[in-house]
Amino acid sequence: MKHNEVRNDQHCFCCGQDNDKGLKLKFKYSEEGESETSLIVPKYFTGWENLTHGGLISMLLDETMAHACIGSELVGVTAELTVRFKKPLPVETKIFVKGKMTEVKGRIALTSGSIKDATGTVYATGKARFISTG
């Protein structure tokens, strides 16, 4: 995957600070190709009976794994996303979402991610493949 200039799109639904309807997530990065964010899941993301909608869970994993690449100045788009739902996630739970870049093969970056709460309970894991846009 090619190193590209990382531009911050302030209107991204997940991390854009100028998106009035967005989550405004802030990410921390490590030198090992990892990213992390946290949030309390808003009640309006209920999918069924006070459980977080699976689409939000998938989006959070996708975004955090993408940020693992961005933290290493590798810019691309999601080519493939696999999510494993381990346990129903109640809304209004504080969660920690982690992503890690595990391998780079040419224009492809492989990543993994997880969503946990403060006790370490795993709600979902994911894997994704990103392809360079450069």
Foldseek 3Di string as FASTA:
>chain_A
DDQDDDDDDLCPQECRVPPPNHVNWDWDADPQLKIKTKDQAAQVQDPPDQFGDPVVVQVLQLVRQQVSCVSVRFHFHWPDKDKDFDATHGGRAMKMKMKGFDDDDPQKTKMKIFIAGPVRDTGMIMITITGGPD
